């Protein structure tokens, strides 16, 4: 697997970048934006500018009245046990193909190299791996779409965010390649089809339920519930 160098053409909306810069975009939305930023120089510059503006505004705020008990509470917290860190593989345990394809923010959520993950077959040409991000109402997955395969036409009960990590796909809105982030809301119905020249690997965050069309789609929906 090779990670071709390209400039993404599909990006997060500005309000989402603003929330990310302000630190108010929690996982899993924050994860998919951070992974996009690792692949998109223009969005990194935009977030950097937003962070600089936010820092300047904070510097202009009047100093607040100090809490007389604040230091005591802070010192007490130093004695509290640190929360356990999630078990993630060391960088040395990931093979070269995984390190080349998977940006740093996402890499630490993988239990193994891409080839060694316990992929689950959803339907012919489509495999999925669920990432261990426990957030009610959201599903966070890696999707592997075989070359030329299609995801059945579907709509969305919420927001679906898809970031391409390898290969590409085409739907009714155009073509998406490595680093592109496609966001679909309840008004979008589409049928993504992977490129013919190679498999497509995506990070996908789904809020709410997908609404599949046709009998095959409804059957697929039964097997893609959280």
C-alpha atoms as a PDB file:
ATOM      1  CA  UNK A   1       0.000   0.000   0.000  1.00  0.00           C
ATOM      2  CA  UNK A   2       1.327   3.430  -0.987  1.00  0.00           C
ATOM      3  CA  UNK A   3       0.209   6.788   0.376  1.00  0.00           C
ATOM      4  CA  UNK A   4       0.308   9.165  -2.577  1.00  0.00           C
ATOM      5  CA  UNK A   5       1.044  12.821  -1.807  1.00  0.00           C
ATOM      6  CA  UNK A   6      -1.864  15.097  -2.750  1.00  0.00           C
ATOM      7  CA  UNK A   7      -3.576  18.275  -1.609  1.00  0.00           C
ATOM      8  CA  UNK A   8      -7.089  17.599  -0.221  1.00  0.00           C
ATOM      9  CA  UNK A   9      -9.947  19.386  -1.933  1.00  0.00           C
ATOM     10  CA  UNK A  10     -12.749  18.629   0.557  1.00  0.00           C
ATOM     11  CA  UNK A  11     -12.459  20.140   4.030  1.00  0.00           C
ATOM     12  CA  UNK A  12     -14.363  20.538   7.322  1.00  0.00           C
ATOM     13  CA  UNK A  13     -16.712  23.541   7.503  1.00  0.00           C
ATOM     14  CA  UNK A  14     -15.277  26.678   9.087  1.00  0.00           C
ATOM     15  CA  UNK A  15     -17.482  26.432  12.182  1.00  0.00           C
ATOM     16  CA  UNK A  16     -16.123  22.940  12.867  1.00  0.00           C
ATOM     17  CA  UNK A  17     -12.528  24.174  12.537  1.00  0.00           C
ATOM     18  CA  UNK A  18     -13.383  27.008  14.932  1.00  0.00           C
ATOM     19  CA  UNK A  19     -14.774  24.536  17.482  1.00  0.00           C
ATOM     20  CA  UNK A  20     -11.638  22.409  17.082  1.00  0.00           C
ATOM     21  CA  UNK A  21      -9.349  25.410  17.590  1.00  0.00           C
ATOM     22  CA  UNK A  22     -11.340  26.384  20.701  1.00  0.00           C
ATOM     23  CA  UNK A  23     -10.982  22.869  22.121  1.00  0.00           C
ATOM     24  CA  UNK A  24     -14.742  22.336  22.211  1.00  0.00           C
ATOM     25  CA  UNK A  25     -14.942  19.583  19.580  1.00  0.00           C
ATOM     26  CA  UNK A  26     -14.912  16.307  21.506  1.00  0.00           C
ATOM     27  CA  UNK A  27     -14.246  12.838  20.187  1.00  0.00           C
ATOM     28  CA  UNK A  28     -14.987  11.290  17.801  1.00  0.00           C
ATOM     29  CA  UNK A  29     -15.537  14.427  15.690  1.00  0.00           C
ATOM     30  CA  UNK A  30     -12.284  15.847  17.024  1.00  0.00           C
ATOM     31  CA  UNK A  31     -10.419  12.721  15.957  1.00  0.00           C
ATOM     32  CA  UNK A  32     -11.554  12.864  12.335  1.00  0.00           C
ATOM     33  CA  UNK A  33     -10.773  16.592  12.116  1.00  0.00           C
ATOM     34  CA  UNK A  34      -7.325  16.089  13.688  1.00  0.00           C
ATOM     35  CA  UNK A  35      -6.598  13.286  11.225  1.00  0.00           C
ATOM     36  CA  UNK A  36      -7.658  15.519   8.329  1.00  0.00           C
ATOM     37  CA  UNK A  37      -5.411  18.309   9.641  1.00  0.00           C
ATOM     38  CA  UNK A  38      -2.444  15.930   9.553  1.00  0.00           C
ATOM     39  CA  UNK A  39      -3.045  15.550   5.802  1.00  0.00           C
ATOM     40  CA  UNK A  40      -4.140  19.104   4.925  1.00  0.00           C
ATOM     41  CA  UNK A  41      -1.656  22.017   5.187  1.00  0.00           C
ATOM     42  CA  UNK A  42      -4.274  24.678   4.388  1.00  0.00           C
ATOM     43  CA  UNK A  43      -6.576  23.608   7.237  1.00  0.00           C
ATOM     44  CA  UNK A  44      -3.617  23.427   9.608  1.00  0.00           C
ATOM     45  CA  UNK A  45      -2.778  27.041   8.766  1.00  0.00           C
ATOM     46  CA  UNK A  46      -6.400  28.063   9.278  1.00  0.00           C
ATOM     47  CA  UNK A  47      -6.591  26.364  12.687  1.00  0.00           C
ATOM     48  CA  UNK A  48      -3.275  27.949  13.667  1.00  0.00           C
ATOM     49  CA  UNK A  49      -4.652  31.386  12.792  1.00  0.00           C
ATOM     50  CA  UNK A  50      -7.840  30.739  14.758  1.00  0.00           C
ATOM     51  CA  UNK A  51      -5.836  29.620  17.790  1.00  0.00           C
ATOM     52  CA  UNK A  52      -3.710  32.759  17.581  1.00  0.00           C
ATOM     53  CA  UNK A  53      -6.828  34.958  17.457  1.00  0.00           C
ATOM     54  CA  UNK A  54      -8.314  33.095  20.417  1.00  0.00           C
ATOM     55  CA  UNK A  55      -5.097  33.534  22.402  1.00  0.00           C
ATOM     56  CA  UNK A  56      -5.032  37.271  21.670  1.00  0.00           C
ATOM     57  CA  UNK A  57      -8.635  37.654  22.806  1.00  0.00           C
ATOM     58  CA  UNK A  58      -7.895  35.826  26.047  1.00  0.00           C
ATOM     59  CA  UNK A  59      -4.951  38.126  26.725  1.00  0.00           C
ATOM     60  CA  UNK A  60      -7.308  41.113  26.538  1.00  0.00           C
ATOM     61  CA  UNK A  61      -9.730  39.772  29.126  1.00  0.00           C
ATOM     62  CA  UNK A  62      -9.553  41.456  32.549  1.00  0.00           C
ATOM     63  CA  UNK A  63      -7.934  39.407  35.268  1.00  0.00           C
ATOM     64  CA  UNK A  64     -10.485  37.549  37.363  1.00  0.00           C
ATOM     65  CA  UNK A  65     -10.643  37.511  41.102  1.00  0.00           C
ATOM     66  CA  UNK A  66      -8.513  34.721  42.506  1.00  0.00           C
ATOM     67  CA  UNK A  67     -10.288  31.899  44.303  1.00  0.00           C
ATOM     68  CA  UNK A  68      -8.787  31.766  47.836  1.00  0.00           C
ATOM     69  CA  UNK A  69      -9.345  27.993  47.995  1.00  0.00           C
ATOM     70  CA  UNK A  70      -8.094  27.337  44.479  1.00  0.00           C
ATOM     71  CA  UNK A  71      -4.504  26.520  45.475  1.00  0.00           C
ATOM     72  CA  UNK A  72      -5.676  24.113  48.163  1.00  0.00           C
ATOM     73  CA  UNK A  73      -7.877  22.222  45.699  1.00  0.00           C
ATOM     74  CA  UNK A  74      -5.085  22.144  43.135  1.00  0.00           C
ATOM     75  CA  UNK A  75      -2.612  20.667  45.605  1.00  0.00           C
ATOM     76  CA  UNK A  76      -5.191  18.074  46.674  1.00  0.00           C
ATOM     77  CA  UNK A  77      -5.627  16.976  43.058  1.00  0.00           C
ATOM     78  CA  UNK A  78      -1.895  16.265  42.820  1.00  0.00           C
ATOM     79  CA  UNK A  79      -2.407  13.388  45.260  1.00  0.00           C
ATOM     80  CA  UNK A  80      -5.174  11.811  43.174  1.00  0.00           C
ATOM     81  CA  UNK A  81      -4.217   8.742  41.121  1.00  0.00           C
ATOM     82  CA  UNK A  82      -3.783   9.434  37.432  1.00  0.00           C
ATOM     83  CA  UNK A  83      -6.522   7.999  35.211  1.00  0.00           C
ATOM     84  CA  UNK A  84      -5.455   4.881  33.314  1.00  0.00           C
ATOM     85  CA  UNK A  85      -4.280   5.547  29.778  1.00  0.00           C
ATOM     86  CA  UNK A  86      -5.875   3.566  26.961  1.00  0.00           C
ATOM     87  CA  UNK A  87      -3.904   0.549  25.837  1.00  0.00           C
ATOM     88  CA  UNK A  88      -2.364   1.428  22.487  1.00  0.00           C
ATOM     89  CA  UNK A  89       0.405  -0.288  20.591  1.00  0.00           C
ATOM     90  CA  UNK A  90       3.838   1.280  20.507  1.00  0.00           C
ATOM     91  CA  UNK A  91       4.925   2.770  17.225  1.00  0.00           C
ATOM     92  CA  UNK A  92       7.430  -0.038  16.753  1.00  0.00           C
ATOM     93  CA  UNK A  93       4.587  -2.625  16.712  1.00  0.00           C
ATOM     94  CA  UNK A  94       2.944  -1.034  13.657  1.00  0.00           C
ATOM     95  CA  UNK A  95       4.244  -2.085  10.269  1.00  0.00           C
ATOM     96  CA  UNK A  96       5.639   0.354   7.731  1.00  0.00           C
ATOM     97  CA  UNK A  97       2.479   0.364   5.591  1.00  0.00           C
ATOM     98  CA  UNK A  98       0.335   1.379   8.580  1.00  0.00           C
ATOM     99  CA  UNK A  99       2.707   4.133   9.664  1.00  0.00           C
ATOM    100  CA  UNK A 100       2.766   5.479   6.123  1.00  0.00           C
ATOM    101  CA  UNK A 101      -0.999   5.467   5.661  1.00  0.00           C
ATOM    102  CA  UNK A 102      -2.338   6.336   9.117  1.00  0.00           C
ATOM    103  CA  UNK A 103      -1.641   9.831  10.505  1.00  0.00           C
ATOM    104  CA  UNK A 104      -0.519  10.284  14.087  1.00  0.00           C
ATOM    105  CA  UNK A 105      -3.890  11.245  15.682  1.00  0.00           C
ATOM    106  CA  UNK A 106      -5.567   8.059  14.438  1.00  0.00           C
ATOM    107  CA  UNK A 107      -2.543   5.794  14.787  1.00  0.00           C
ATOM    108  CA  UNK A 108      -2.791   5.686  18.574  1.00  0.00           C
ATOM    109  CA  UNK A 109      -6.335   4.287  18.419  1.00  0.00           C
ATOM    110  CA  UNK A 110      -5.296   1.175  16.477  1.00  0.00           C
ATOM    111  CA  UNK A 111      -4.904  -2.105  18.320  1.00  0.00           C
ATOM    112  CA  UNK A 112      -2.577  -3.475  15.624  1.00  0.00           C
ATOM    113  CA  UNK A 113      -1.298  -2.877  12.114  1.00  0.00           C
ATOM    114  CA  UNK A 114      -3.967  -2.525   9.435  1.00  0.00           C
ATOM    115  CA  UNK A 115      -3.306  -5.997   8.047  1.00  0.00           C
ATOM    116  CA  UNK A 116      -3.692  -7.546  11.519  1.00  0.00           C
ATOM    117  CA  UNK A 117      -6.884  -5.809  12.657  1.00  0.00           C
ATOM    118  CA  UNK A 118      -9.932  -8.049  13.216  1.00  0.00           C
ATOM    119  CA  UNK A 119     -11.848  -6.773  10.190  1.00  0.00           C
ATOM    120  CA  UNK A 120     -15.532  -7.701  10.074  1.00  0.00           C
ATOM    121  CA  UNK A 121     -17.087  -8.435   6.713  1.00  0.00           C
ATOM    122  CA  UNK A 122     -20.227  -6.327   6.280  1.00  0.00           C
ATOM    123  CA  UNK A 123     -21.083  -7.385   2.747  1.00  0.00           C
ATOM    124  CA  UNK A 124     -19.226  -8.362  -0.386  1.00  0.00           C
ATOM    125  CA  UNK A 125     -16.479  -5.838  -0.991  1.00  0.00           C
ATOM    126  CA  UNK A 126     -16.943  -4.030   2.315  1.00  0.00           C
ATOM    127  CA  UNK A 127     -15.128  -4.675   5.613  1.00  0.00           C
ATOM    128  CA  UNK A 128     -15.295  -2.697   8.852  1.00  0.00           C
ATOM    129  CA  UNK A 129     -13.275  -2.310  12.040  1.00  0.00           C
ATOM    130  CA  UNK A 130     -14.856  -0.560  15.031  1.00  0.00           C
ATOM    131  CA  UNK A 131     -12.575   1.835  16.874  1.00  0.00           C
ATOM    132  CA  UNK A 132     -12.770   1.808  20.688  1.00  0.00           C
ATOM    133  CA  UNK A 133     -14.257   5.283  21.115  1.00  0.00           C
ATOM    134  CA  UNK A 134     -17.160   5.033  23.529  1.00  0.00           C
ATOM    135  CA  UNK A 135     -19.428   8.002  22.808  1.00  0.00           C
ATOM    136  CA  UNK A 136     -23.211   7.508  22.967  1.00  0.00           C
ATOM    137  CA  UNK A 137     -24.944   8.178  19.676  1.00  0.00           C
ATOM    138  CA  UNK A 138     -21.778   7.898  17.574  1.00  0.00           C
ATOM    139  CA  UNK A 139     -20.064   5.074  15.701  1.00  0.00           C
ATOM    140  CA  UNK A 140     -16.413   5.362  14.703  1.00  0.00           C
ATOM    141  CA  UNK A 141     -15.074   2.863  12.193  1.00  0.00           C
ATOM    142  CA  UNK A 142     -12.479   2.101   9.600  1.00  0.00           C
ATOM    143  CA  UNK A 143     -14.061   1.022   6.331  1.00  0.00           C
ATOM    144  CA  UNK A 144     -12.247  -0.929   3.640  1.00  0.00           C
ATOM    145  CA  UNK A 145     -14.062  -0.785   0.303  1.00  0.00           C
ATOM    146  CA  UNK A 146     -12.668  -3.136  -2.327  1.00  0.00           C
ATOM    147  CA  UNK A 147     -11.743  -1.675  -5.714  1.00  0.00           C
ATOM    148  CA  UNK A 148     -14.877  -0.980  -7.745  1.00  0.00           C
ATOM    149  CA  UNK A 149     -17.239  -1.975  -4.925  1.00  0.00           C
ATOM    150  CA  UNK A 150     -20.088   0.303  -3.843  1.00  0.00           C
ATOM    151  CA  UNK A 151     -21.829   1.081  -0.585  1.00  0.00           C
ATOM    152  CA  UNK A 152     -25.597   0.806  -1.217  1.00  0.00           C
ATOM    153  CA  UNK A 153     -27.429   4.094  -1.673  1.00  0.00           C
ATOM    154  CA  UNK A 154     -28.348   5.565   1.697  1.00  0.00           C
ATOM    155  CA  UNK A 155     -29.458   8.662   3.546  1.00  0.00           C
ATOM    156  CA  UNK A 156     -28.636   9.825   7.046  1.00  0.00           C
ATOM    157  CA  UNK A 157     -30.523  10.244  10.282  1.00  0.00           C
ATOM    158  CA  UNK A 158     -27.735  12.498  11.521  1.00  0.00           C
ATOM    159  CA  UNK A 159     -24.298  13.494  10.262  1.00  0.00           C
ATOM    160  CA  UNK A 160     -21.875  11.135   8.520  1.00  0.00           C
ATOM    161  CA  UNK A 161     -18.219  12.208   8.209  1.00  0.00           C
ATOM    162  CA  UNK A 162     -15.896  10.207   5.942  1.00  0.00           C
ATOM    163  CA  UNK A 163     -12.148  10.809   5.665  1.00  0.00           C
ATOM    164  CA  UNK A 164     -10.228   9.000   2.917  1.00  0.00           C
ATOM    165  CA  UNK A 165      -6.911   7.508   4.069  1.00  0.00           C
ATOM    166  CA  UNK A 166      -6.050   5.522   0.947  1.00  0.00           C
ATOM    167  CA  UNK A 167      -7.447   5.222  -2.568  1.00  0.00           C
ATOM    168  CA  UNK A 168     -10.623   7.085  -3.328  1.00  0.00           C
ATOM    169  CA  UNK A 169     -14.343   6.941  -4.053  1.00  0.00           C
ATOM    170  CA  UNK A 170     -16.905   8.801  -6.103  1.00  0.00           C
ATOM    171  CA  UNK A 171     -20.471   9.704  -5.206  1.00  0.00           C
ATOM    172  CA  UNK A 172     -23.089  12.123  -6.506  1.00  0.00           C
ATOM    173  CA  UNK A 173     -21.060  15.112  -5.271  1.00  0.00           C
ATOM    174  CA  UNK A 174     -17.730  14.238  -6.876  1.00  0.00           C
ATOM    175  CA  UNK A 175     -14.494  12.387  -6.225  1.00  0.00           C
ATOM    176  CA  UNK A 176     -12.773  12.021  -2.853  1.00  0.00           C
ATOM    177  CA  UNK A 177      -9.114  11.025  -2.446  1.00  0.00           C
ATOM    178  CA  UNK A 178      -6.581  10.789   0.345  1.00  0.00           C
ATOM    179  CA  UNK A 179      -7.112  13.536   2.915  1.00  0.00           C
ATOM    180  CA  UNK A 180     -10.553  14.547   1.639  1.00  0.00           C
ATOM    181  CA  UNK A 181     -13.288  14.856   4.259  1.00  0.00           C
ATOM    182  CA  UNK A 182     -16.865  14.360   3.096  1.00  0.00           C
ATOM    183  CA  UNK A 183     -19.704  15.408   5.409  1.00  0.00           C
ATOM    184  CA  UNK A 184     -23.278  14.298   4.751  1.00  0.00           C
ATOM    185  CA  UNK A 185     -26.350  15.422   6.672  1.00  0.00           C
ATOM    186  CA  UNK A 186     -29.987  14.358   6.564  1.00  0.00           C
ATOM    187  CA  UNK A 187     -30.471  16.065   3.209  1.00  0.00           C
ATOM    188  CA  UNK A 188     -27.864  13.940   1.397  1.00  0.00           C
ATOM    189  CA  UNK A 189     -28.565  10.606  -0.286  1.00  0.00           C
ATOM    190  CA  UNK A 190     -25.585   9.024  -2.018  1.00  0.00           C
ATOM    191  CA  UNK A 191     -23.932   5.844  -3.276  1.00  0.00           C
ATOM    192  CA  UNK A 192     -20.139   5.874  -2.791  1.00  0.00           C
ATOM    193  CA  UNK A 193     -18.202   3.726  -5.293  1.00  0.00           C
ATOM    194  CA  UNK A 194     -14.528   2.904  -4.741  1.00  0.00           C
ATOM    195  CA  UNK A 195     -12.019   3.657  -7.493  1.00  0.00           C
ATOM    196  CA  UNK A 196     -11.199   0.820  -9.865  1.00  0.00           C
ATOM    197  CA  UNK A 197      -7.434   1.021  -9.408  1.00  0.00           C
ATOM    198  CA  UNK A 198      -7.276   0.043  -5.734  1.00  0.00           C
ATOM    199  CA  UNK A 199      -9.057  -0.449  -2.423  1.00  0.00           C
ATOM    200  CA  UNK A 200     -10.383   2.566  -0.534  1.00  0.00           C
ATOM    201  CA  UNK A 201      -9.625   2.911   3.186  1.00  0.00           C
ATOM    202  CA  UNK A 202     -11.715   5.423   5.141  1.00  0.00           C
ATOM    203  CA  UNK A 203     -12.211   6.662   8.670  1.00  0.00           C
ATOM    204  CA  UNK A 204     -15.928   7.180   9.224  1.00  0.00           C
ATOM    205  CA  UNK A 205     -17.886   8.796  12.063  1.00  0.00           C
ATOM    206  CA  UNK A 206     -21.653   8.295  12.036  1.00  0.00           C
ATOM    207  CA  UNK A 207     -24.086  10.176  14.239  1.00  0.00           C
ATOM    208  CA  UNK A 208     -27.552   8.635  14.266  1.00  0.00           C
ATOM    209  CA  UNK A 209     -28.726   5.920  11.880  1.00  0.00           C
ATOM    210  CA  UNK A 210     -28.131   5.359   8.199  1.00  0.00           C
ATOM    211  CA  UNK A 211     -31.211   4.867   6.018  1.00  0.00           C
ATOM    212  CA  UNK A 212     -30.558   2.350   3.253  1.00  0.00           C
ATOM    213  CA  UNK A 213     -32.719   2.072   0.140  1.00  0.00           C
ATOM    214  CA  UNK A 214     -33.968  -1.216  -1.326  1.00  0.00           C
ATOM    215  CA  UNK A 215     -34.072  -4.724   0.125  1.00  0.00           C
ATOM    216  CA  UNK A 216     -30.301  -5.269   0.006  1.00  0.00           C
ATOM    217  CA  UNK A 217     -29.756  -1.914   1.653  1.00  0.00           C
ATOM    218  CA  UNK A 218     -32.224  -2.644   4.441  1.00  0.00           C
ATOM    219  CA  UNK A 219     -30.546  -5.996   5.072  1.00  0.00           C
ATOM    220  CA  UNK A 220     -27.198  -4.224   5.208  1.00  0.00           C
ATOM    221  CA  UNK A 221     -28.655  -1.793   7.708  1.00  0.00           C
ATOM    222  CA  UNK A 222     -29.499  -4.684  10.028  1.00  0.00           C
ATOM    223  CA  UNK A 223     -25.832  -5.691  10.094  1.00  0.00           C
ATOM    224  CA  UNK A 224     -24.401  -2.195  10.524  1.00  0.00           C
ATOM    225  CA  UNK A 225     -26.279  -1.201  13.651  1.00  0.00           C
ATOM    226  CA  UNK A 226     -24.087  -0.231  16.617  1.00  0.00           C
END
